[in-house]
PDB file of N, CA and C in Angstrom:
ATOM      1  N   MET A   1     114.571  89.054 115.745  1.00  0.00           N
ATOM      2  CA  MET A   1     113.306  88.979 115.057  1.00  0.00           C
ATOM      3  C   MET A   1     113.405  88.179 113.770  1.00  0.00           C
ATOM      4  N   ASN A   2     114.503  87.514 113.554  1.00  0.00           N
ATOM      5  CA  ASN A   2     114.599  86.700 112.344  1.00  0.00           C
ATOM      6  C   ASN A   2     113.473  85.679 112.315  1.00  0.00           C
ATOM      7  N   ALA A   3     112.992  85.364 111.127  1.00  0.00           N
ATOM      8  CA  ALA A   3     111.904  84.411 110.903  1.00  0.00           C
ATOM      9  C   ALA A   3     110.575  84.911 111.449  1.00  0.00           C
ATOM     10  N   LYS A   4     110.428  86.219 111.585  1.00  0.00           N
ATOM     11  CA  LYS A   4     109.168  86.819 112.022  1.00  0.00           C
ATOM     12  C   LYS A   4     108.664  87.735 110.907  1.00  0.00           C
ATOM     13  N   VAL A   5     107.355  87.864 110.835  1.00  0.00           N
ATOM     14  CA  VAL A   5     106.742  88.818 109.917  1.00  0.00           C
ATOM     15  C   VAL A   5     106.037  89.865 110.751  1.00  0.00           C
ATOM     16  N   ALA A   6     106.294  91.119 110.476  1.00  0.00           N
ATOM     17  CA  ALA A   6     105.619  92.216 111.158  1.00  0.00           C
ATOM     18  C   ALA A   6     104.671  92.882 110.180  1.00  0.00           C
ATOM     19  N   VAL A   7     103.402  92.973 110.558  1.00  0.00           N
ATOM     20  CA  VAL A   7     102.427  93.711 109.776  1.00  0.00           C
ATOM     21  C   VAL A   7     102.316  95.069 110.442  1.00  0.00           C
ATOM     22  N   VAL A   8     102.712  96.113 109.721  1.00  0.00           N
ATOM     23  CA  VAL A   8     102.691  97.459 110.288  1.00  0.00           C
ATOM     24  C   VAL A   8     101.637  98.267 109.548  1.00  0.00           C
ATOM     25  N   THR A   9     100.587  98.644 110.265  1.00  0.00           N
ATOM     26  CA  THR A   9      99.526  99.436 109.656  1.00  0.00           C
ATOM     27  C   THR A   9      99.933 100.907 109.656  1.00  0.00           C
ATOM     28  N   GLY A  10      99.470 101.620 108.638  1.00  0.00           N
ATOM     29  CA  GLY A  10      99.835 103.027 108.526  1.00  0.00           C
ATOM     30  C   GLY A  10     101.321 103.216 108.299  1.00  0.00           C
ATOM     31  N   ALA A  11     101.927 102.253 107.623  1.00  0.00           N
ATOM     32  CA  ALA A  11     103.386 102.229 107.499  1.00  0.00           C
ATOM     33  C   ALA A  11     103.913 103.020 106.313  1.00  0.00           C
ATOM     34  N   SER A  12     103.054 103.699 105.584  1.00  0.00           N
ATOM     35  CA  SER A  12     103.534 104.421 104.407  1.00  0.00           C
ATOM     36  C   SER A  12     104.119 105.786 104.752  1.00  0.00           C
ATOM     37  N   LYS A  13     103.879 106.259 105.987  1.00  0.00           N
ATOM     38  CA  LYS A  13     104.351 107.595 106.373  1.00  0.00           C
ATOM     39  C   LYS A  13     104.668 107.655 107.862  1.00  0.00           C
ATOM     40  N   GLY A  14     105.404 108.658 108.236  1.00  0.00           N
ATOM     41  CA  GLY A  14     105.591 109.036 109.629  1.00  0.00           C
ATOM     42  C   GLY A  14     106.051 107.927 110.549  1.00  0.00           C
ATOM     43  N   ILE A  15     105.374 107.855 111.703  1.00  0.00           N
ATOM     44  CA  ILE A  15     105.752 106.887 112.738  1.00  0.00           C
ATOM     45  C   ILE A  15     105.637 105.461 112.220  1.00  0.00           C
ATOM     46  N   GLY A  16     104.579 105.152 111.459  1.00  0.00           N
ATOM     47  CA  GLY A  16     104.420 103.802 110.921  1.00  0.00           C
ATOM     48  C   GLY A  16     105.586 103.401 110.035  1.00  0.00           C
ATOM     49  N   ALA A  17     106.044 104.320 109.191  1.00  0.00           N
ATOM     50  CA  ALA A  17     107.189 104.042 108.319  1.00  0.00           C
ATOM     51  C   ALA A  17     108.444 103.809 109.151  1.00  0.00           C
ATOM     52  N   ALA A  18     108.635 104.630 110.186  1.00  0.00           N
ATOM     53  CA  ALA A  18     109.807 104.470 111.056  1.00  0.00           C
ATOM     54  C   ALA A  18     109.774 103.128 111.780  1.00  0.00           C
ATOM     55  N   ILE A  19     108.589 102.711 112.232  1.00  0.00           N
ATOM     56  CA  ILE A  19     108.452 101.422 112.905  1.00  0.00           C
ATOM     57  C   ILE A  19     108.753 100.284 111.934  1.00  0.00           C
ATOM     58  N   ALA A  20     108.207 100.366 110.717  1.00  0.00           N
ATOM     59  CA  ALA A  20     108.456  99.327 109.713  1.00  0.00           C
ATOM     60  C   ALA A  20     109.948  99.190 109.438  1.00  0.00           C
ATOM     61  N   LYS A  21     110.639 100.302 109.300  1.00  0.00           N
ATOM     62  CA  LYS A  21     112.077 100.278 109.027  1.00  0.00           C
ATOM     63  C   LYS A  21     112.858  99.720 110.216  1.00  0.00           C
ATOM     64  N   ALA A  22     112.446 100.083 111.429  1.00  0.00           N
ATOM     65  CA  ALA A  22     113.142  99.586 112.619  1.00  0.00           C
ATOM     66  C   ALA A  22     112.936  98.077 112.786  1.00  0.00           C
ATOM     67  N   LEU A  23     111.727  97.598 112.533  1.00  0.00           N
ATOM     68  CA  LEU A  23     111.477  96.157 112.629  1.00  0.00           C
ATOM     69  C   LEU A  23     112.270  95.393 111.579  1.00  0.00           C
ATOM     70  N   SER A  24     112.388  95.971 110.391  1.00  0.00           N
ATOM     71  CA  SER A  24     113.199  95.340 109.354  1.00  0.00           C
ATOM     72  C   SER A  24     114.666  95.288 109.779  1.00  0.00           C
ATOM     73  N   ALA A  25     115.140  96.380 110.320  1.00  0.00           N
ATOM     74  CA  ALA A  25     116.539  96.424 110.773  1.00  0.00           C
ATOM     75  C   ALA A  25     116.798  95.392 111.869  1.00  0.00           C
ATOM     76  N   ALA A  26     115.745  95.057 112.626  1.00  0.00           N
ATOM     77  CA  ALA A  26     115.860  94.046 113.684  1.00  0.00           C
ATOM     78  C   ALA A  26     115.735  92.627 113.136  1.00  0.00           C
ATOM     79  N   GLY A  27     115.464  92.503 111.826  1.00  0.00           N
ATOM     80  CA  GLY A  27     115.454  91.182 111.198  1.00  0.00           C
ATOM     81  C   GLY A  27     114.103  90.670 110.740  1.00  0.00           C
ATOM     82  N   ALA A  28     113.036  91.408 110.972  1.00  0.00           N
ATOM     83  CA  ALA A  28     111.708  90.941 110.563  1.00  0.00           C
ATOM     84  C   ALA A  28     111.463  91.236 109.086  1.00  0.00           C
ATOM     85  N   ALA A  29     110.696  90.361 108.444  1.00  0.00           N
ATOM     86  CA  ALA A  29     110.137  90.684 107.133  1.00  0.00           C
ATOM     87  C   ALA A  29     108.920  91.553 107.424  1.00  0.00           C
ATOM     88  N   VAL A  30     108.697  92.590 106.626  1.00  0.00           N
ATOM     89  CA  VAL A  30     107.673  93.579 106.958  1.00  0.00           C
ATOM     90  C   VAL A  30     106.601  93.666 105.877  1.00  0.00           C
ATOM     91  N   VAL A  31     105.347  93.648 106.334  1.00  0.00           N
ATOM     92  CA  VAL A  31     104.220  93.952 105.465  1.00  0.00           C
ATOM     93  C   VAL A  31     103.883  95.411 105.735  1.00  0.00           C
ATOM     94  N   VAL A  32     104.128  96.251 104.749  1.00  0.00           N
ATOM     95  CA  VAL A  32     103.849  97.682 104.847  1.00  0.00           C
ATOM     96  C   VAL A  32     102.401  97.889 104.409  1.00  0.00           C
ATOM     97  N   SER A  33     101.514  98.027 105.392  1.00  0.00           N
ATOM     98  CA  SER A  33     100.092  98.183 105.104  1.00  0.00           C
ATOM     99  C   SER A  33      99.771  99.674 104.965  1.00  0.00           C
ATOM    100  N   TYR A  34      99.000  99.999 103.939  1.00  0.00           N
ATOM    101  CA  TYR A  34      98.619 101.390 103.691  1.00  0.00           C
ATOM    102  C   TYR A  34      97.165 101.437 103.264  1.00  0.00           C
ATOM    103  N   SER A  35      96.534 102.602 103.464  1.00  0.00           N
ATOM    104  CA  SER A  35      95.141 102.724 103.043  1.00  0.00           C
ATOM    105  C   SER A  35      94.973 103.645 101.845  1.00  0.00           C
ATOM    106  N   ALA A  36      95.903 104.564 101.629  1.00  0.00           N
ATOM    107  CA  ALA A  36      95.702 105.543 100.552  1.00  0.00           C
ATOM    108  C   ALA A  36      96.883 105.680  99.596  1.00  0.00           C
ATOM    109  N   SER A  37      98.089 105.766 100.105  1.00  0.00           N
ATOM    110  CA  SER A  37      99.220 106.145  99.259  1.00  0.00           C
ATOM    111  C   SER A  37     100.132 104.970  98.910  1.00  0.00           C
ATOM    112  N   LYS A  38      99.838 104.332  97.787  1.00  0.00           N
ATOM    113  CA  LYS A  38     100.687 103.239  97.315  1.00  0.00           C
ATOM    114  C   LYS A  38     102.105 103.733  97.046  1.00  0.00           C
ATOM    115  N   GLU A  39     102.222 104.942  96.507  1.00  0.00           N
ATOM    116  CA  GLU A  39     103.550 105.482  96.195  1.00  0.00           C
ATOM    117  C   GLU A  39     104.401 105.605  97.451  1.00  0.00           C
ATOM    118  N   ASP A  40     103.820 106.130  98.530  1.00  0.00           N
ATOM    119  CA  ASP A  40     104.567 106.249  99.781  1.00  0.00           C
ATOM    120  C   ASP A  40     104.928 104.876 100.341  1.00  0.00           C
ATOM    121  N   ALA A  41     103.986 103.932 100.269  1.00  0.00           N
ATOM    122  CA  ALA A  41     104.257 102.573 100.755  1.00  0.00           C
ATOM    123  C   ALA A  41     105.373 101.932  99.940  1.00  0.00           C
ATOM    124  N   ASP A  42     105.327 102.110  98.630  1.00  0.00           N
ATOM    125  CA  ASP A  42     106.381 101.546  97.779  1.00  0.00           C
ATOM    126  C   ASP A  42     107.742 102.159  98.094  1.00  0.00           C
ATOM    127  N   ARG A  43     107.749 103.424  98.485  1.00  0.00           N
ATOM    128  CA  ARG A  43     109.004 104.080  98.869  1.00  0.00           C
ATOM    129  C   ARG A  43     109.570 103.455 100.145  1.00  0.00           C
ATOM    130  N   VAL A  44     108.697 103.180 101.114  1.00  0.00           N
ATOM    131  CA  VAL A  44     109.145 102.543 102.357  1.00  0.00           C
ATOM    132  C   VAL A  44     109.700 101.145 102.056  1.00  0.00           C
ATOM    133  N   VAL A  45     108.993 100.390 101.216  1.00  0.00           N
ATOM    134  CA  VAL A  45     109.466  99.057 100.819  1.00  0.00           C
ATOM    135  C   VAL A  45     110.834  99.165 100.148  1.00  0.00           C
ATOM    136  N   ALA A  46     110.987 100.121  99.244  1.00  0.00           N
ATOM    137  CA  ALA A  46     112.271 100.302  98.547  1.00  0.00           C
ATOM    138  C   ALA A  46     113.387 100.648  99.532  1.00  0.00           C
ATOM    139  N   ASP A  47     113.087 101.497 100.518  1.00  0.00           N
ATOM    140  CA  ASP A  47     114.090 101.846 101.531  1.00  0.00           C
ATOM    141  C   ASP A  47     114.514 100.618 102.323  1.00  0.00           C
ATOM    142  N   ILE A  48     113.542  99.793 102.694  1.00  0.00           N
ATOM    143  CA  ILE A  48     113.840  98.574 103.459  1.00  0.00           C
ATOM    144  C   ILE A  48     114.690  97.622 102.615  1.00  0.00           C
ATOM    145  N   LYS A  49     114.286  97.410 101.366  1.00  0.00           N
ATOM    146  CA  LYS A  49     115.038  96.499 100.496  1.00  0.00           C
ATOM    147  C   LYS A  49     116.440  97.012 100.201  1.00  0.00           C
ATOM    148  N   ALA A  50     116.591  98.326 100.087  1.00  0.00           N
ATOM    149  CA  ALA A  50     117.912  98.907  99.822  1.00  0.00           C
ATOM    150  C   ALA A  50     118.886  98.624 100.962  1.00  0.00           C
ATOM    151  N   LYS A  51     118.351  98.397 102.149  1.00  0.00           N
ATOM    152  CA  LYS A  51     119.195  98.091 103.307  1.00  0.00           C
ATOM    153  C   LYS A  51     119.277  96.586 103.560  1.00  0.00           C
ATOM    154  N   GLY A  52     118.812  95.795 102.581  1.00  0.00           N
ATOM    155  CA  GLY A  52     118.917  94.343 102.699  1.00  0.00           C
ATOM    156  C   GLY A  52     117.736  93.666 103.368  1.00  0.00           C
ATOM    157  N   GLY A  53     116.692  94.419 103.662  1.00  0.00           N
ATOM    158  CA  GLY A  53     115.522  93.844 104.322  1.00  0.00           C
ATOM    159  C   GLY A  53     114.525  93.273 103.332  1.00  0.00           C
ATOM    160  N   LYS A  54     113.492  92.659 103.879  1.00  0.00           N
ATOM    161  CA  LYS A  54     112.431  92.056 103.072  1.00  0.00           C
ATOM    162  C   LYS A  54     111.121  92.759 103.413  1.00  0.00           C
ATOM    163  N   ALA A  55     110.408  93.202 102.389  1.00  0.00           N
ATOM    164  CA  ALA A  55     109.157  93.918 102.622  1.00  0.00           C
ATOM    165  C   ALA A  55     108.261  93.842 101.401  1.00  0.00           C
ATOM    166  N   ILE A  56     106.960  93.900 101.657  1.00  0.00           N
ATOM    167  CA  ILE A  56     105.973  94.046 100.595  1.00  0.00           C
ATOM    168  C   ILE A  56     104.971  95.105 101.050  1.00  0.00           C
ATOM    169  N   ALA A  57     104.341  95.776 100.095  1.00  0.00           N
ATOM    170  CA  ALA A  57     103.301  96.760 100.396  1.00  0.00           C
ATOM    171  C   ALA A  57     101.940  96.134 100.122  1.00  0.00           C
ATOM    172  N   VAL A  58     100.995  96.365 101.034  1.00  0.00           N
ATOM    173  CA  VAL A  58      99.657  95.791 100.924  1.00  0.00           C
ATOM    174  C   VAL A  58      98.626  96.855 101.277  1.00  0.00           C
ATOM    175  N   LYS A  59      97.650  97.033 100.400  1.00  0.00           N
ATOM    176  CA  LYS A  59      96.579  97.997 100.663  1.00  0.00           C
ATOM    177  C   LYS A  59      95.565  97.390 101.621  1.00  0.00           C
ATOM    178  N   GLY A  60      95.172  98.165 102.625  1.00  0.00           N
ATOM    179  CA  GLY A  60      94.156  97.714 103.566  1.00  0.00           C
ATOM    180  C   GLY A  60      93.857  98.776 104.599  1.00  0.00           C
ATOM    181  N   ASP A  61      92.595  98.917 104.928  1.00  0.00           N
ATOM    182  CA  ASP A  61      92.146  99.877 105.923  1.00  0.00           C
ATOM    183  C   ASP A  61      91.772  99.099 107.178  1.00  0.00           C
ATOM    184  N   VAL A  62      92.474  99.339 108.284  1.00  0.00           N
ATOM    185  CA  VAL A  62      92.235  98.575 109.503  1.00  0.00           C
ATOM    186  C   VAL A  62      90.862  98.843 110.102  1.00  0.00           C
ATOM    187  N   ALA A  63      90.190  99.878 109.654  1.00  0.00           N
ATOM    188  CA  ALA A  63      88.842 100.168 110.142  1.00  0.00           C
ATOM    189  C   ALA A  63      87.791  99.303 109.450  1.00  0.00           C
ATOM    190  N   LYS A  64      88.195  98.565 108.426  1.00  0.00           N
ATOM    191  CA  LYS A  64      87.261  97.736 107.667  1.00  0.00           C
ATOM    192  C   LYS A  64      87.601  96.260 107.861  1.00  0.00           C
ATOM    193  N   ALA A  65      86.645  95.529 108.441  1.00  0.00           N
ATOM    194  CA  ALA A  65      86.874  94.111 108.734  1.00  0.00           C
ATOM    195  C   ALA A  65      87.223  93.316 107.480  1.00  0.00           C
ATOM    196  N   ASP A  66      86.570  93.603 106.369  1.00  0.00           N
ATOM    197  CA  ASP A  66      86.867  92.875 105.130  1.00  0.00           C
ATOM    198  C   ASP A  66      88.308  93.076 104.695  1.00  0.00           C
ATOM    199  N   ASP A  67      88.814  94.307 104.830  1.00  0.00           N
ATOM    200  CA  ASP A  67      90.209  94.575 104.466  1.00  0.00           C
ATOM    201  C   ASP A  67      91.160  93.788 105.359  1.00  0.00           C
ATOM    202  N   MET A  68      90.861  93.718 106.654  1.00  0.00           N
ATOM    203  CA  MET A  68      91.730  92.983 107.568  1.00  0.00           C
ATOM    204  C   MET A  68      91.728  91.499 107.226  1.00  0.00           C
ATOM    205  N   GLY A  69      90.551  90.953 106.931  1.00  0.00           N
ATOM    206  CA  GLY A  69      90.486  89.548 106.544  1.00  0.00           C
ATOM    207  C   GLY A  69      91.291  89.280 105.298  1.00  0.00           C
ATOM    208  N   ARG A  70      91.170  90.164 104.303  1.00  0.00           N
ATOM    209  CA  ARG A  70      91.919  90.013 103.056  1.00  0.00           C
ATOM    210  C   ARG A  70      93.408  90.144 103.317  1.00  0.00           C
ATOM    211  N   LEU A  71      93.783  91.059 104.182  1.00  0.00           N
ATOM    212  CA  LEU A  71      95.195  91.258 104.513  1.00  0.00           C
ATOM    213  C   LEU A  71      95.807  89.955 105.001  1.00  0.00           C
ATOM    214  N   PHE A  72      95.127  89.274 105.913  1.00  0.00           N
ATOM    215  CA  PHE A  72      95.685  88.050 106.470  1.00  0.00           C
ATOM    216  C   PHE A  72      95.533  86.853 105.555  1.00  0.00           C
ATOM    217  N   ARG A  73      94.355  86.673 104.960  1.00  0.00           N
ATOM    218  CA  ARG A  73      94.144  85.507 104.092  1.00  0.00           C
ATOM    219  C   ARG A  73      95.046  85.562 102.872  1.00  0.00           C
ATOM    220  N   GLY A  74      95.083  86.683 102.211  1.00  0.00           N
ATOM    221  CA  GLY A  74      95.832  86.779 100.965  1.00  0.00           C
ATOM    222  C   GLY A  74      97.318  86.896 101.142  1.00  0.00           C
ATOM    223  N   ASN A  75      97.748  87.563 102.165  1.00  0.00           N
ATOM    224  CA  ASN A  75      99.154  87.913 102.221  1.00  0.00           C
ATOM    225  C   ASN A  75     100.046  86.878 102.863  1.00  0.00           C
ATOM    226  N   GLN A  76      99.494  85.922 103.587  1.00  0.00           N
ATOM    227  CA  GLN A  76     100.350  84.834 104.060  1.00  0.00           C
ATOM    228  C   GLN A  76     100.947  84.113 102.853  1.00  0.00           C
ATOM    229  N   GLU A  77     100.124  83.874 101.837  1.00  0.00           N
ATOM    230  CA  GLU A  77     100.630  83.203 100.637  1.00  0.00           C
ATOM    231  C   GLU A  77     101.599  84.101  99.868  1.00  0.00           C
ATOM    232  N   ASP A  78     101.301  85.393  99.774  1.00  0.00           N
ATOM    233  CA  ASP A  78     102.225  86.327  99.103  1.00  0.00           C
ATOM    234  C   ASP A  78     103.587  86.323  99.786  1.00  0.00           C
ATOM    235  N   ILE A  79     103.576  86.297 101.107  1.00  0.00           N
ATOM    236  CA  ILE A  79     104.832  86.294 101.861  1.00  0.00           C
ATOM    237  C   ILE A  79     105.599  85.004 101.599  1.00  0.00           C
ATOM    238  N   ARG A  80     104.897  83.882 101.605  1.00  0.00           N
ATOM    239  CA  ARG A  80     105.575  82.605 101.308  1.00  0.00           C
ATOM    240  C   ARG A  80     106.167  82.610  99.907  1.00  0.00           C
ATOM    241  N   ARG A  81     105.367  83.080  98.921  1.00  0.00           N
ATOM    242  CA  ARG A  81     105.857  83.091  97.537  1.00  0.00           C
ATOM    243  C   ARG A  81     107.064  83.997  97.378  1.00  0.00           C
ATOM    244  N   ALA A  82     107.094  85.068  98.134  1.00  0.00           N
ATOM    245  CA  ALA A  82     108.237  85.980  98.052  1.00  0.00           C
ATOM    246  C   ALA A  82     109.476  85.383  98.715  1.00  0.00           C
ATOM    247  N   GLY A  83     109.308  84.238  99.380  1.00  0.00           N
ATOM    248  CA  GLY A  83     110.454  83.558  99.968  1.00  0.00           C
ATOM    249  C   GLY A  83     110.872  84.108 101.307  1.00  0.00           C
ATOM    250  N   TYR A  84     109.988  84.833 101.964  1.00  0.00           N
ATOM    251  CA  TYR A  84     110.376  85.459 103.220  1.00  0.00           C
ATOM    252  C   TYR A  84     110.482  84.482 104.368  1.00  0.00           C
ATOM    253  N   LEU A  85     109.540  83.532 104.453  1.00  0.00           N
ATOM    254  CA  LEU A  85     109.561  82.646 105.602  1.00  0.00           C
ATOM    255  C   LEU A  85     109.389  81.182 105.271  1.00  0.00           C
ATOM    256  N   GLY A  86     109.116  80.861 104.037  1.00  0.00           N
ATOM    257  CA  GLY A  86     108.879  79.467 103.715  1.00  0.00           C
ATOM    258  C   GLY A  86     107.732  78.926 104.546  1.00  0.00           C
ATOM    259  N   GLU A  87     107.922  77.784 105.140  1.00  0.00           N
ATOM    260  CA  GLU A  87     106.856  77.166 105.915  1.00  0.00           C
ATOM    261  C   GLU A  87     106.723  77.733 107.320  1.00  0.00           C
ATOM    262  N   GLN A  88     107.589  78.632 107.722  1.00  0.00           N
ATOM    263  CA  GLN A  88     107.517  79.166 109.076  1.00  0.00           C
ATOM    264  C   GLN A  88     106.371  80.154 109.271  1.00  0.00           C
ATOM    265  N   CYS A  89     105.790  80.650 108.190  1.00  0.00           N
ATOM    266  CA  CYS A  89     104.728  81.643 108.287  1.00  0.00           C
ATOM    267  C   CYS A  89     103.398  80.945 108.564  1.00  0.00           C
ATOM    268  N   ARG A  90     103.068  80.755 109.813  1.00  0.00           N
ATOM    269  CA  ARG A  90     101.844  80.061 110.188  1.00  0.00           C
ATOM    270  C   ARG A  90     100.681  81.031 110.379  1.00  0.00           C
ATOM    271  N   HIS A  91     100.918  82.152 111.011  1.00  0.00           N
ATOM    272  CA  HIS A  91      99.875  83.155 111.182  1.00  0.00           C
ATOM    273  C   HIS A  91     100.527  84.510 111.401  1.00  0.00           C
ATOM    274  N   LEU A  92      99.746  85.512 111.162  1.00  0.00           N
ATOM    275  CA  LEU A  92     100.191  86.878 111.374  1.00  0.00           C
ATOM    276  C   LEU A  92      99.237  87.534 112.345  1.00  0.00           C
ATOM    277  N   GLN A  93      99.702  88.530 113.035  1.00  0.00           N
ATOM    278  CA  GLN A  93      98.851  89.225 113.984  1.00  0.00           C
ATOM    279  C   GLN A  93      99.156  90.706 113.921  1.00  0.00           C
ATOM    280  N   VAL A  94      98.113  91.513 114.043  1.00  0.00           N
ATOM    281  CA  VAL A  94      98.307  92.961 114.130  1.00  0.00           C
ATOM    282  C   VAL A  94      97.365  93.487 115.204  1.00  0.00           C
ATOM    283  N   ARG A  95      97.832  94.402 115.985  1.00  0.00           N
ATOM    284  CA  ARG A  95      96.993  95.026 117.008  1.00  0.00           C
ATOM    285  C   ARG A  95      96.849  96.495 116.658  1.00  0.00           C
ATOM    286  N   THR A  96      95.607  96.929 116.610  1.00  0.00           N
ATOM    287  CA  THR A  96      95.350  98.339 116.320  1.00  0.00           C
ATOM    288  C   THR A  96      94.253  98.824 117.242  1.00  0.00           C
ATOM    289  N   ALA A  97      94.474  99.950 117.851  1.00  0.00           N
ATOM    290  CA  ALA A  97      93.487 100.585 118.725  1.00  0.00           C
ATOM    291  C   ALA A  97      92.903  99.607 119.746  1.00  0.00           C
ATOM    292  N   GLY A  98      93.770  98.720 120.237  1.00  0.00           N
ATOM    293  CA  GLY A  98      93.352  97.799 121.267  1.00  0.00           C
ATOM    294  C   GLY A  98      92.549  96.609 120.776  1.00  0.00           C
ATOM    295  N   ARG A  99      92.357  96.491 119.462  1.00  0.00           N
ATOM    296  CA  ARG A  99      91.624  95.365 118.912  1.00  0.00           C
ATOM    297  C   ARG A  99      92.609  94.370 118.311  1.00  0.00           C
ATOM    298  N   ASP A 100      92.303  93.114 118.442  1.00  0.00           N
ATOM    299  CA  ASP A 100      93.169  92.040 117.955  1.00  0.00           C
ATOM    300  C   ASP A 100      92.506  91.405 116.745  1.00  0.00           C
ATOM    301  N   HIS A 101      93.166  91.471 115.595  1.00  0.00           N
ATOM    302  CA  HIS A 101      92.632  90.894 114.349  1.00  0.00           C
ATOM    303  C   HIS A 101      93.481  89.692 113.989  1.00  0.00           C
ATOM    304  N   ARG A 102      92.893  88.503 114.011  1.00  0.00           N
ATOM    305  CA  ARG A 102      93.648  87.292 113.669  1.00  0.00           C
ATOM    306  C   ARG A 102      92.885  86.493 112.649  1.00  0.00           C
ATOM    307  N   LYS A 103      93.639  85.844 111.766  1.00  0.00           N
ATOM    308  CA  LYS A 103      93.057  84.909 110.788  1.00  0.00           C
ATOM    309  C   LYS A 103      93.968  83.714 110.722  1.00  0.00           C
TER     310      LYS A 103
END
């Protein structure tokens, strides 16, 4: 999964956090998306970074189209600036509840 970015929704706790950590361990840079608990999301990011992974936390509610648009429009540049993928970050994709959100 090197040179890939994984956007994991609900990644601040439970199964989402475990998925984010597993994707990082597999080599992906991870966007830890959360809707309520920045502290929990920051903890997941810190855990990933402590193991040598790359991660950022981003607030967004997948039930809100505006949040999803902001997640993709704003965070591709944040990921590039953080040095995660350089020019390789062309688009990101997340699937939730059978819906495909792309920007």
